[in-house]
């Protein structure tokens, strides 16, 4: 949908500066007529129409010949491959128009496939009768003409780069392709890790190893029996040694959390999931202390563990 351009107006209304937009009625400058661009567009439009006509003619001619030995739907479906093959090579040649070395492969492959298609059309005409070979040759020249117009159009836009610039362009393309490949590799690794965690949890749930819930209270360690105190001979009877103060629960839990820290992301998520199943209330800082990782990383691991816990509840 066409949107009319606007401009911002700043005015003072009763001592207050206000800004508002109004339609910009300034006439847009028109670009001068470009004859070269128009002719180039007409050239490639003609080449495209000729290619479509060649594909249709080749499909009809070769398909009727193949229909003698195969079902009609299969014959015409396969017949379209002949001309579509060299047309696809034209697309590859267009994409590599700035790389003369790599463009040679689709150019030569397109010519070879064009020769095969023309030969098949001529054979179809020869089987039609005494003058059929002439019709076959004329039909084959339709594909040759379309290919020729494309070759002329490619010649008008192809720019011959100097070797150093071709090498520079090839290096940039390789760098971009490498970055894309690495990004895809990272994505595949992340997906694989996620599937591995889900598979482990599914197997664990199927075996029934863990049957705890979120609301289940964590198992408390058994209290250590109090040893009887031996009273010194010179100690008064009514004087009792004070019992040692119990260690704070937070310190004990922190000490337990720092032992045997997992290092792999999957193991870290599994460790947090195990503790959540036991009923522990874990915060981002608690997860960082348990795993020995920065709070940002601990938050991601904790979020993944909570998501997996919700899936099995």
Protein backbone atom coordinates (compact mmCIF):
# COMPACT_ATOMS: atom_id res chain seq x y z
CA UNK A 1 0.00 0.00 0.00
CA UNK A 2 1.37 3.41 -1.02
CA UNK A 3 1.96 5.78 1.90
CA UNK A 4 2.10 9.50 1.30
CA UNK A 5 5.19 11.12 2.82
CA UNK A 6 4.75 13.40 5.80
CA UNK A 7 6.75 16.16 7.41
CA UNK A 8 7.01 17.35 11.02
CA UNK A 9 5.90 20.87 11.91
CA UNK A 10 6.95 22.61 15.15
CA UNK A 11 4.82 25.51 16.38
CA UNK A 12 4.17 27.38 19.61
CA UNK A 13 0.57 27.30 20.83
CA UNK A 14 -0.20 29.46 23.88
CA UNK A 15 3.44 29.37 24.89
CA UNK A 16 3.79 25.60 24.51
CA UNK A 17 5.98 24.09 21.78
CA UNK A 18 4.12 21.33 19.94
CA UNK A 19 5.11 19.02 17.10
CA UNK A 20 2.73 17.39 14.66
CA UNK A 21 2.91 15.79 11.26
CA UNK A 22 1.16 16.93 8.11
CA UNK A 23 1.13 15.47 4.61
CA UNK A 24 4.16 16.54 2.62
CA UNK A 25 2.78 18.08 -0.56
CA UNK A 26 6.20 18.88 -1.99
CA UNK A 27 6.35 17.40 -5.48
CA UNK A 28 8.68 14.44 -5.66
CA UNK A 29 11.50 14.80 -8.17
CA UNK A 30 11.10 12.39 -11.07
CA UNK A 31 14.01 10.38 -12.24
CA UNK A 32 15.06 11.00 -15.83
CA UNK A 33 14.08 8.43 -18.38
CA UNK A 34 16.71 5.66 -18.53
CA UNK A 35 16.68 4.16 -22.00
CA UNK A 36 19.39 1.61 -21.20
CA UNK A 37 17.49 0.18 -18.24
CA UNK A 38 14.28 0.01 -20.27
CA UNK A 39 15.95 -1.81 -23.15
CA UNK A 40 17.70 -4.21 -20.78
CA UNK A 41 14.39 -4.99 -19.12
CA UNK A 42 12.76 -5.57 -22.51
CA UNK A 43 15.64 -7.85 -23.55
CA UNK A 44 15.37 -10.13 -20.55
CA UNK A 45 11.57 -10.12 -20.70
CA UNK A 46 11.78 -11.33 -24.30
CA UNK A 47 14.35 -13.98 -23.32
CA UNK A 48 12.09 -15.20 -20.52
CA UNK A 49 9.05 -15.48 -22.81
CA UNK A 50 11.10 -17.32 -25.42
CA UNK A 51 12.37 -19.72 -22.76
CA UNK A 52 8.81 -20.47 -21.62
CA UNK A 53 7.77 -21.10 -25.23
CA UNK A 54 10.75 -23.41 -25.78
CA UNK A 55 9.95 -25.37 -22.63
CA UNK A 56 6.30 -25.78 -23.67
CA UNK A 57 7.20 -26.87 -27.21
CA UNK A 58 9.89 -29.26 -26.03
CA UNK A 59 7.57 -30.78 -23.43
CA UNK A 60 4.81 -31.36 -26.01
CA UNK A 61 7.17 -32.79 -28.65
CA UNK A 62 9.25 -35.03 -26.42
CA UNK A 63 6.26 -36.00 -24.28
CA UNK A 64 4.26 -37.26 -27.28
CA UNK A 65 7.25 -39.37 -28.29
CA UNK A 66 7.73 -40.84 -24.83
CA UNK A 67 3.99 -41.51 -24.56
CA UNK A 68 4.48 -44.38 -27.02
CA UNK A 69 6.18 -46.40 -24.28
CA UNK A 70 4.92 -44.83 -21.03
CA UNK A 71 1.74 -43.38 -19.55
CA UNK A 72 0.92 -39.90 -20.77
CA UNK A 73 1.28 -38.20 -17.36
CA UNK A 74 4.71 -39.74 -16.81
CA UNK A 75 5.85 -39.02 -20.39
CA UNK A 76 5.01 -35.31 -20.30
CA UNK A 77 6.35 -34.95 -16.77
CA UNK A 78 9.73 -36.36 -17.79
CA UNK A 79 9.73 -34.44 -21.07
CA UNK A 80 9.71 -31.13 -19.23
CA UNK A 81 13.03 -32.03 -17.61
CA UNK A 82 14.95 -31.67 -20.91
CA UNK A 83 14.34 -27.95 -21.43
CA UNK A 84 13.98 -27.14 -17.72
CA UNK A 85 17.53 -28.44 -17.19
CA UNK A 86 19.26 -25.91 -19.43
CA UNK A 87 16.90 -23.18 -18.18
CA UNK A 88 18.07 -23.94 -14.62
CA UNK A 89 21.66 -23.61 -15.79
CA UNK A 90 20.81 -20.11 -17.00
CA UNK A 91 19.82 -19.18 -13.43
CA UNK A 92 23.12 -20.51 -12.10
CA UNK A 93 25.00 -18.62 -14.80
CA UNK A 94 23.20 -15.41 -13.79
CA UNK A 95 24.14 -15.86 -10.13
CA UNK A 96 27.80 -16.38 -11.08
CA UNK A 97 27.99 -13.59 -13.64
CA UNK A 98 30.76 -11.82 -11.67
CA UNK A 99 32.85 -14.97 -11.31
CA UNK A 100 34.01 -16.03 -14.75
CA UNK A 101 35.82 -19.12 -13.47
CA UNK A 102 32.83 -20.64 -11.69
CA UNK A 103 30.36 -19.50 -14.37
CA UNK A 104 31.98 -21.79 -16.95
CA UNK A 105 30.54 -24.94 -15.38
CA UNK A 106 26.82 -24.01 -15.65
CA UNK A 107 27.48 -22.47 -19.09
CA UNK A 108 28.94 -25.68 -20.48
CA UNK A 109 26.36 -27.85 -18.74
CA UNK A 110 23.56 -25.72 -20.19
CA UNK A 111 24.92 -26.06 -23.72
CA UNK A 112 25.21 -29.85 -23.34
CA UNK A 113 21.64 -30.15 -22.03
CA UNK A 114 20.40 -27.88 -24.84
CA UNK A 115 21.98 -30.18 -27.45
CA UNK A 116 20.29 -33.20 -25.88
CA UNK A 117 16.92 -31.44 -25.88
CA UNK A 118 17.29 -30.35 -29.53
CA UNK A 119 18.26 -33.87 -30.56
CA UNK A 120 15.18 -35.30 -28.84
CA UNK A 121 12.91 -32.80 -30.61
CA UNK A 122 14.46 -33.63 -34.01
CA UNK A 123 13.98 -37.36 -33.38
CA UNK A 124 10.33 -36.74 -32.55
CA UNK A 125 9.88 -34.88 -35.85
CA UNK A 126 11.60 -37.65 -37.82
CA UNK A 127 9.17 -40.21 -36.41
CA UNK A 128 6.16 -38.12 -37.56
CA UNK A 129 6.57 -38.74 -41.33
CA UNK A 130 8.52 -37.78 -44.43
CA UNK A 131 8.52 -34.05 -43.69
CA UNK A 132 8.56 -34.48 -39.95
CA UNK A 133 12.31 -34.04 -39.72
CA UNK A 134 11.95 -30.46 -41.01
CA UNK A 135 9.34 -29.72 -38.35
CA UNK A 136 11.64 -31.27 -35.77
CA UNK A 137 14.56 -29.06 -36.82
CA UNK A 138 12.44 -25.93 -36.70
CA UNK A 139 11.12 -26.88 -33.25
CA UNK A 140 14.66 -27.53 -32.02
CA UNK A 141 15.75 -24.09 -33.25
CA UNK A 142 13.18 -22.53 -30.89
CA UNK A 143 15.22 -23.75 -27.90
CA UNK A 144 18.46 -22.66 -29.60
CA UNK A 145 17.03 -19.18 -30.22
CA UNK A 146 15.93 -18.81 -26.58
CA UNK A 147 19.35 -19.91 -25.38
CA UNK A 148 21.02 -17.51 -27.79
CA UNK A 149 19.00 -14.52 -26.60
CA UNK A 150 19.93 -15.38 -23.02
CA UNK A 151 23.59 -15.59 -23.99
CA UNK A 152 23.39 -12.13 -25.56
CA UNK A 153 21.65 -10.72 -22.49
CA UNK A 154 24.26 -12.21 -20.18
CA UNK A 155 26.99 -10.74 -22.34
CA UNK A 156 25.52 -7.24 -21.92
CA UNK A 157 25.54 -7.38 -18.11
CA UNK A 158 28.62 -9.49 -17.46
CA UNK A 159 31.51 -7.41 -16.15
CA UNK A 160 35.00 -8.76 -16.60
CA UNK A 161 36.75 -8.22 -13.29
CA UNK A 162 40.49 -8.09 -12.92
CA UNK A 163 42.06 -11.17 -11.31
CA UNK A 164 42.75 -9.41 -8.01
CA UNK A 165 39.14 -8.24 -7.72
CA UNK A 166 37.84 -11.70 -8.59
CA UNK A 167 40.08 -13.14 -5.88
CA UNK A 168 38.84 -10.50 -3.42
CA UNK A 169 35.21 -11.23 -4.28
CA UNK A 170 35.81 -14.98 -3.94
CA UNK A 171 37.47 -14.47 -0.52
CA UNK A 172 34.51 -12.41 0.70
CA UNK A 173 32.10 -15.07 -0.49
CA UNK A 174 34.09 -17.78 1.27
CA UNK A 175 34.16 -15.75 4.48
CA UNK A 176 30.41 -15.20 4.35
CA UNK A 177 29.80 -18.86 3.59
CA UNK A 178 32.04 -19.92 6.48
CA UNK A 179 30.20 -17.67 8.93
CA UNK A 180 26.88 -19.05 7.73
CA UNK A 181 28.12 -22.64 8.06
CA UNK A 182 29.37 -21.99 11.60
CA UNK A 183 26.05 -20.41 12.56
CA UNK A 184 24.18 -23.43 11.20
CA UNK A 185 26.55 -25.70 13.10
CA UNK A 186 25.85 -23.85 16.36
CA UNK A 187 22.13 -24.14 15.73
CA UNK A 188 22.40 -27.88 15.06
CA UNK A 189 24.47 -28.35 18.22
CA UNK A 190 21.90 -26.47 20.32
CA UNK A 191 19.05 -28.52 18.84
CA UNK A 192 20.97 -31.74 19.44
CA UNK A 193 21.64 -30.82 23.06
CA UNK A 194 17.98 -30.01 23.58
CA UNK A 195 16.89 -33.32 22.05
CA UNK A 196 19.43 -35.16 24.21
CA UNK A 197 18.08 -33.62 27.40
CA UNK A 198 14.50 -34.44 26.42
CA UNK A 199 15.48 -38.02 25.52
CA UNK A 200 17.20 -38.53 28.86
CA UNK A 201 14.21 -37.17 30.74
CA UNK A 202 11.83 -39.36 28.73
CA UNK A 203 13.89 -42.48 29.44
CA UNK A 204 14.14 -41.54 33.11
CA UNK A 205 10.38 -41.04 33.33
CA UNK A 206 9.71 -44.35 31.55
CA UNK A 207 11.94 -46.28 33.94
CA UNK A 208 10.25 -44.56 36.87
CA UNK A 209 13.49 -43.64 38.58
CA UNK A 210 12.15 -40.36 39.91
CA UNK A 211 8.67 -40.13 41.39
CA UNK A 212 8.99 -36.92 43.34
CA UNK A 213 6.91 -33.85 42.70
CA UNK A 214 7.50 -30.15 43.02
CA UNK A 215 5.56 -29.91 46.30
CA UNK A 216 7.44 -32.80 47.90
CA UNK A 217 9.53 -31.74 50.87
CA UNK A 218 13.23 -32.32 50.51
CA UNK A 219 14.53 -35.34 52.40
CA UNK A 220 16.13 -34.18 55.59
CA UNK A 221 19.27 -35.93 56.78
CA UNK A 222 18.90 -38.11 59.85
CA UNK A 223 19.97 -36.36 63.02
CA UNK A 224 23.27 -37.44 64.50
CA UNK A 225 22.83 -39.10 67.92
CA UNK A 226 24.04 -36.97 70.81
CA UNK A 227 27.01 -38.46 72.56
CA UNK A 228 26.82 -38.41 76.38
CA UNK A 229 29.13 -35.87 77.87
CA UNK A 230 31.70 -36.97 80.37
CA UNK A 231 31.75 -34.68 83.36
CA UNK A 232 35.09 -33.69 84.78
CA UNK A 233 35.71 -34.56 88.44
CA UNK A 234 36.09 -30.94 89.50
CA UNK A 235 33.04 -29.73 87.55
CA UNK A 236 29.90 -28.90 89.51
CA UNK A 237 26.98 -31.22 89.06
CA UNK A 238 24.57 -28.52 87.96
CA UNK A 239 26.96 -27.16 85.33
CA UNK A 240 26.37 -28.59 81.85
CA UNK A 241 28.52 -27.96 78.83
CA UNK A 242 26.58 -26.05 76.24
CA UNK A 243 25.69 -28.11 73.20
CA UNK A 244 27.43 -27.08 70.01
CA UNK A 245 25.34 -24.79 67.90
CA UNK A 246 24.01 -26.46 64.72
CA UNK A 247 25.53 -25.35 61.47
CA UNK A 248 23.29 -23.04 59.51
CA UNK A 249 21.22 -24.83 56.91
CA UNK A 250 22.14 -22.28 54.28
CA UNK A 251 25.85 -22.94 54.77
CA UNK A 252 25.38 -26.70 54.62
CA UNK A 253 23.33 -26.44 51.47
CA UNK A 254 25.87 -24.10 49.92
CA UNK A 255 28.64 -26.55 50.77
CA UNK A 256 26.73 -29.43 49.21
CA UNK A 257 26.01 -27.40 46.13
CA UNK A 258 29.65 -26.67 45.40
CA UNK A 259 30.69 -30.34 45.30
CA UNK A 260 30.76 -32.28 42.09
CA UNK A 261 29.71 -29.40 39.89
CA UNK A 262 28.63 -30.51 36.40
CA UNK A 263 30.45 -28.86 33.51
CA UNK A 264 28.42 -29.79 30.43
CA UNK A 265 25.26 -27.74 29.70
CA UNK A 266 23.11 -30.89 29.56
CA UNK A 267 24.43 -32.10 32.92
CA UNK A 268 23.91 -28.67 34.48
CA UNK A 269 20.28 -28.56 33.35
CA UNK A 270 19.79 -32.13 34.59
CA UNK A 271 21.28 -31.25 38.00
CA UNK A 272 18.95 -28.26 38.41
CA UNK A 273 16.00 -30.37 37.27
CA UNK A 274 16.84 -33.02 39.85
CA UNK A 275 16.92 -30.47 42.64
CA UNK A 276 13.66 -28.91 41.49
CA UNK A 277 12.00 -32.32 41.55
CA UNK A 278 13.17 -32.69 45.16
CA UNK A 279 11.30 -29.51 46.05
CA UNK A 280 14.18 -27.07 46.32
CA UNK A 281 13.37 -23.43 45.69
CA UNK A 282 16.28 -22.33 43.50
CA UNK A 283 16.90 -18.74 42.48
CA UNK A 284 19.26 -17.43 39.84
CA UNK A 285 21.99 -16.82 42.41
CA UNK A 286 21.45 -20.26 43.92
CA UNK A 287 21.85 -21.82 40.47
CA UNK A 288 25.05 -19.84 39.94
CA UNK A 289 26.44 -21.17 43.25
CA UNK A 290 25.41 -24.74 42.43
CA UNK A 291 26.89 -24.79 38.94
CA UNK A 292 29.79 -22.41 39.47
CA UNK A 293 28.86 -20.31 36.44
CA UNK A 294 27.97 -16.63 35.95
CA UNK A 295 24.43 -15.59 36.92
CA UNK A 296 23.45 -15.01 33.28
CA UNK A 297 24.42 -18.56 32.31
CA UNK A 298 22.80 -19.94 35.48
CA UNK A 299 19.55 -18.14 34.61
CA UNK A 300 19.44 -19.83 31.18
CA UNK A 301 20.11 -23.25 32.69
CA UNK A 302 17.47 -22.70 35.40
CA UNK A 303 14.91 -21.55 32.84
CA UNK A 304 15.53 -24.66 30.73
CA UNK A 305 15.18 -26.91 33.78
CA UNK A 306 11.90 -25.27 34.81
CA UNK A 307 10.54 -25.61 31.25
CA UNK A 308 11.36 -29.32 31.24
CA UNK A 309 9.82 -29.74 34.68
CA UNK A 310 6.57 -28.17 33.48
CA UNK A 311 6.46 -30.59 30.54
CA UNK A 312 6.37 -33.61 32.83
CA UNK A 313 3.87 -32.23 35.34
